[in-house]
Amino acid sequence: MKRLIAFILFAAATTAHAAPGTVSLSPAVIMLRGEAGQSTTQTLLLRNNTSRTLSFDVVAQDVVVRDGARVHMNAGQIAGSIAATAVFSQRHVKVVSGETAAVTATFTIPPGAPTRAVIALFRGTDKVNNATASLGALMTFTLSDSVTMSTDALRVQPQSATSNLAVAQTCTNSGSEPIVAKGMLAVIGADGRIAGKTALQPRRLLPGERVQLSAQYAAELQPGRYRLFVTYDYEGRALTQSAEVTVR
């Protein structure tokens, strides 16, 4: 059976609090590349750092985008559901305090699948202080090179007596594949020299998803006129937006 390639693996864990201590799941995000009909098998590690034994049901949900925002759908609710192909080594996990449980998850991409993401959800079944601890690992699938990002107008908050210069922009994944958008703000003085740079927080966007990327310039600017350039790098492509601002 052909396998999808995990080309980027984010080893960071998602965490949930279950007093006293935390529960963590790693990896938190797995990004895969392949084509329809291929499968992937991933091992997920659930660590219980609380003082009690905890139990979880393991389920899969499709991650779809509605009106620019993510929505989780139960397996089989949509045509071409990736979640409906899920095969877990365990459907119910009990993790003793201080121990780690390993669960393997296999997914297959159906032909014509409309979505590009699925979540392996560990849904807590034990109530602690009238709440349960649930964690999820996100898997995204890139099946082509059709990646495009569009942006709304760049919004600028000028420097004031109480705040530094800041920029914000709404970005939309207008292609058919997941992307990770990384932005950099460059501040250019009237003399054409770079006064400084500030990175925007990277964001992962599914097809159709809209998010706001923003940054605050860390230093205080001297009075004068400046040109602002925000350059985005996403999947090897670049997009630049600019604006002008006067600091008084």
Protein backbone atom coordinates (compact mmCIF):
# COMPACT_ATOMS: atom_id res chain seq x y z
CA MET A 1 0.00 0.00 0.00
CA LYS A 2 1.36 3.42 -0.95
CA ARG A 3 2.04 5.76 1.94
CA LEU A 4 1.80 9.49 2.34
CA ILE A 5 5.05 11.21 3.21
CA ALA A 6 5.27 13.12 6.46
CA PHE A 7 7.38 16.03 5.19
CA ILE A 8 7.06 18.18 8.31
CA LEU A 9 6.44 16.80 11.77
CA PHE A 10 5.71 19.22 14.62
CA ALA A 11 6.79 17.43 17.77
CA ALA A 12 5.26 19.95 20.14
CA ALA A 13 2.50 18.56 22.31
CA THR A 14 -1.01 19.81 22.93
CA THR A 15 -1.81 19.97 26.61
CA ALA A 16 -4.87 19.92 28.79
CA HIS A 17 -5.06 20.62 32.49
CA ALA A 18 -6.52 18.05 34.85
CA ALA A 19 -5.69 19.21 38.36
CA PRO A 20 -3.19 18.60 39.69
CA GLY A 21 -0.90 18.36 36.63
CA THR A 22 -1.38 18.18 32.89
CA VAL A 23 -2.08 15.71 30.11
CA SER A 24 -0.14 16.08 26.85
CA LEU A 25 -0.44 14.62 23.36
CA SER A 26 2.40 14.58 20.84
CA PRO A 27 2.94 15.30 18.07
CA ALA A 28 0.41 18.12 17.95
CA VAL A 29 0.51 18.62 14.17
CA ILE A 30 1.61 16.33 11.35
CA MET A 31 1.85 17.67 7.79
CA LEU A 32 1.80 15.10 5.01
CA ARG A 33 2.19 15.12 1.24
CA GLY A 34 0.93 12.51 -1.21
CA GLU A 35 -2.01 11.72 -3.44
CA ALA A 36 -5.52 10.31 -3.23
CA GLY A 37 -5.62 6.61 -2.38
CA GLN A 38 -2.51 6.72 -0.23
CA SER A 39 -2.44 5.98 3.49
CA THR A 40 -0.48 7.17 6.48
CA THR A 41 0.12 5.54 9.86
CA GLN A 42 1.24 7.76 12.73
CA THR A 43 2.03 7.01 16.37
CA LEU A 44 0.52 9.39 18.93
CA LEU A 45 1.82 9.56 22.50
CA LEU A 46 -0.53 10.49 25.34
CA ARG A 47 1.28 11.44 28.55
CA ASN A 48 -0.55 11.58 31.89
CA ASN A 49 1.24 13.91 34.32
CA THR A 50 -1.66 14.10 36.75
CA SER A 51 -2.04 12.26 40.05
CA ARG A 52 -4.87 10.00 38.87
CA THR A 53 -5.63 7.43 36.18
CA LEU A 54 -7.46 8.92 33.20
CA SER A 55 -9.47 7.34 30.39
CA PHE A 56 -10.08 8.55 26.85
CA ASP A 57 -12.18 7.55 23.86
CA VAL A 58 -10.26 7.88 20.59
CA VAL A 59 -12.24 9.21 17.61
CA ALA A 60 -11.54 10.93 14.29
CA GLN A 61 -13.15 14.10 12.99
CA ASP A 62 -12.86 15.89 9.66
CA VAL A 63 -11.74 19.50 9.84
CA VAL A 64 -13.65 21.59 7.31
CA VAL A 65 -13.82 25.34 6.68
CA ARG A 66 -17.13 27.17 6.81
CA ASP A 67 -17.30 30.95 6.29
CA GLY A 68 -13.53 31.18 6.67
CA ALA A 69 -13.35 29.34 10.02
CA ARG A 70 -12.62 25.73 11.00
CA VAL A 71 -15.42 23.38 11.96
CA HIS A 72 -15.05 19.81 13.22
CA MET A 73 -17.35 17.21 11.67
CA ASN A 74 -17.95 13.67 12.92
CA ALA A 75 -16.62 10.87 10.73
CA GLY A 76 -18.85 10.17 7.75
CA GLN A 77 -20.86 13.39 7.97
CA ILE A 78 -19.43 14.68 4.69
CA ALA A 79 -18.84 12.97 1.35
CA GLY A 80 -15.24 11.84 0.96
CA SER A 81 -14.70 11.88 4.73
CA ILE A 82 -11.07 11.21 5.66
CA ALA A 83 -12.10 10.62 9.27
CA ALA A 84 -14.33 7.75 8.15
CA THR A 85 -11.23 5.81 7.04
CA ALA A 86 -9.58 6.01 10.49
CA VAL A 87 -8.20 2.84 12.01
CA PHE A 88 -6.87 3.18 15.56
CA SER A 89 -4.87 0.56 17.43
CA GLN A 90 -7.06 1.37 20.45
CA ARG A 91 -10.47 3.01 20.61
CA HIS A 92 -10.39 3.42 24.39
CA VAL A 93 -7.23 4.30 26.32
CA LYS A 94 -6.59 4.20 30.05
CA VAL A 95 -3.42 5.97 31.17
CA VAL A 96 -2.07 5.50 34.68
CA SER A 97 -0.61 8.51 36.47
CA GLY A 98 2.95 9.20 35.31
CA GLU A 99 2.75 6.91 32.29
CA THR A 100 2.46 7.30 28.51
CA ALA A 101 0.12 5.44 26.16
CA ALA A 102 0.92 4.96 22.46
CA VAL A 103 -1.86 4.80 19.88
CA THR A 104 -1.30 4.27 16.16
CA ALA A 105 -3.68 5.97 13.74
CA THR A 106 -4.06 5.08 10.05
CA PHE A 107 -5.88 7.30 7.57
CA THR A 108 -6.49 6.85 3.83
CA ILE A 109 -7.27 9.73 1.46
CA PRO A 110 -10.46 8.92 -0.49
CA PRO A 111 -10.53 9.90 -4.20
CA GLY A 112 -12.02 13.36 -4.56
CA ALA A 113 -11.74 14.14 -0.85
CA PRO A 114 -12.98 17.74 -0.41
CA THR A 115 -11.07 18.38 2.81
CA ARG A 116 -7.39 18.45 3.66
CA ALA A 117 -7.34 17.91 7.41
CA VAL A 118 -8.43 15.47 10.08
CA ILE A 119 -8.05 15.42 13.84
CA ALA A 120 -7.36 12.41 16.00
CA LEU A 121 -9.29 13.32 19.13
CA PHE A 122 -8.66 11.85 22.57
CA ARG A 123 -11.92 12.64 24.33
CA GLY A 124 -11.69 12.42 28.12
CA THR A 125 -14.31 10.31 29.87
CA ASP A 126 -13.39 11.21 33.48
CA LYS A 127 -14.75 14.38 35.06
CA VAL A 128 -12.33 16.37 37.16
CA ASN A 129 -13.89 19.42 38.82
CA ASN A 130 -16.91 18.94 36.54
CA ALA A 131 -14.72 19.09 33.41
CA THR A 132 -13.05 16.58 31.11
CA ALA A 133 -9.63 16.75 29.46
CA SER A 134 -9.70 16.31 25.67
CA LEU A 135 -6.77 16.66 23.28
CA GLY A 136 -6.33 16.37 19.53
CA ALA A 137 -3.58 15.83 16.97
CA LEU A 138 -4.12 17.63 13.65
CA MET A 139 -3.03 15.99 10.38
CA THR A 140 -3.03 18.01 7.17
CA PHE A 141 -2.71 16.57 3.66
CA THR A 142 -1.19 18.28 0.62
CA LEU A 143 -2.22 16.56 -2.63
CA SER A 144 -1.14 19.09 -5.27
CA ASP A 145 0.84 22.27 -5.86
CA SER A 146 -2.28 24.46 -6.01
CA VAL A 147 -1.34 26.92 -3.25
CA THR A 148 -2.48 30.54 -3.27
CA MET A 149 -2.91 33.15 -0.56
CA SER A 150 -4.78 36.45 -0.85
CA THR A 151 -4.88 39.37 1.59
CA ASP A 152 -7.18 42.20 2.61
CA ALA A 153 -5.84 45.73 2.93
CA LEU A 154 -2.94 46.19 5.33
CA ARG A 155 -4.12 47.94 8.50
CA VAL A 156 -1.65 50.21 10.29
CA GLN A 157 -1.85 51.47 13.85
CA PRO A 158 0.50 54.48 14.01
CA GLN A 159 2.89 54.97 16.88
CA SER A 160 1.41 56.99 19.71
CA ALA A 161 2.43 58.21 23.15
CA THR A 162 1.15 54.97 24.67
CA SER A 163 1.78 52.31 21.99
CA ASN A 164 4.26 51.33 19.31
CA LEU A 165 3.57 51.02 15.61
CA ALA A 166 1.52 47.91 14.78
CA VAL A 167 0.19 46.25 11.62
CA ALA A 168 -2.54 43.67 11.01
CA GLN A 169 -3.83 41.95 7.91
CA THR A 170 -6.44 39.32 7.15
CA CYS A 171 -5.04 36.50 5.02
CA THR A 172 -7.08 33.92 3.12
CA ASN A 173 -5.95 30.55 1.82
CA SER A 174 -7.52 30.84 -1.64
CA GLY A 175 -5.95 27.66 -2.98
CA SER A 176 -6.91 24.01 -2.56
CA GLU A 177 -4.07 22.89 -0.27
CA PRO A 178 -2.96 23.70 3.31
CA ILE A 179 -0.32 26.40 3.76
CA VAL A 180 1.80 27.85 6.54
CA ALA A 181 2.07 31.65 6.22
CA LYS A 182 5.09 33.43 7.69
CA GLY A 183 5.26 37.21 7.58
CA MET A 184 7.96 39.83 8.15
CA LEU A 185 7.41 43.56 8.69
CA ALA A 186 10.17 45.85 7.43
CA VAL A 187 10.18 49.55 8.37
CA ILE A 188 11.98 51.76 5.82
CA GLY A 189 13.01 55.30 6.69
CA ALA A 190 12.83 58.34 4.39
CA ASP A 191 16.52 57.80 3.58
CA GLY A 192 15.70 54.37 2.14
CA ARG A 193 17.43 52.50 4.94
CA ILE A 194 15.82 49.73 6.96
CA ALA A 195 14.95 51.06 10.41
CA GLY A 196 14.10 47.60 11.68
CA LYS A 197 12.19 44.37 11.20
CA THR A 198 9.59 42.40 13.15
CA ALA A 199 8.24 38.91 12.44
CA LEU A 200 4.52 38.19 12.30
CA GLN A 201 3.31 35.10 14.12
CA PRO A 202 3.21 32.18 11.62
CA ARG A 203 -0.22 30.67 11.01
CA ARG A 204 -1.45 27.47 9.40
CA LEU A 205 -4.36 27.94 7.00
CA LEU A 206 -6.58 25.26 5.53
CA PRO A 207 -8.17 25.87 2.11
CA GLY A 208 -10.71 28.68 2.45
CA GLU A 209 -9.59 29.64 5.95
CA ARG A 210 -9.22 33.31 6.91
CA VAL A 211 -6.99 34.46 9.76
CA GLN A 212 -5.49 37.71 10.95
CA LEU A 213 -1.73 38.04 11.14
CA SER A 214 -0.35 40.92 13.15
CA ALA A 215 2.79 42.33 14.69
CA GLN A 216 3.85 45.24 16.87
CA TYR A 217 7.12 46.98 16.09
CA ALA A 218 9.34 46.56 19.14
CA ALA A 219 11.26 49.85 19.05
CA GLU A 220 10.22 53.49 19.21
CA LEU A 221 10.51 55.30 15.89
CA GLN A 222 11.86 58.81 15.52
CA PRO A 223 9.51 61.41 13.97
CA GLY A 224 9.35 61.18 10.20
CA ARG A 225 7.74 59.38 7.30
CA TYR A 226 8.19 55.65 6.88
CA ARG A 227 7.37 53.02 4.30
CA LEU A 228 6.13 49.70 5.66
CA PHE A 229 6.58 46.43 3.79
CA VAL A 230 4.98 43.17 4.94
CA THR A 231 6.30 40.17 3.06
CA TYR A 232 4.69 36.75 3.39
CA ASP A 233 6.40 33.46 2.65
CA TYR A 234 4.07 30.52 2.12
CA GLU A 235 5.12 27.17 0.67
CA GLY A 236 8.03 28.73 -1.22
CA ARG A 237 5.96 31.60 -2.63
CA ALA A 238 6.11 35.28 -1.70
CA LEU A 239 3.53 38.05 -1.38
CA THR A 240 4.33 41.66 -0.41
CA GLN A 241 2.06 44.44 0.80
CA SER A 242 3.07 48.02 1.59
CA ALA A 243 1.79 51.16 3.28
CA GLU A 244 3.06 54.54 4.43
CA VAL A 245 2.89 56.06 7.89
CA THR A 246 3.98 59.31 9.49
CA VAL A 247 5.36 59.38 13.03
CA ARG A 248 4.94 62.74 14.73
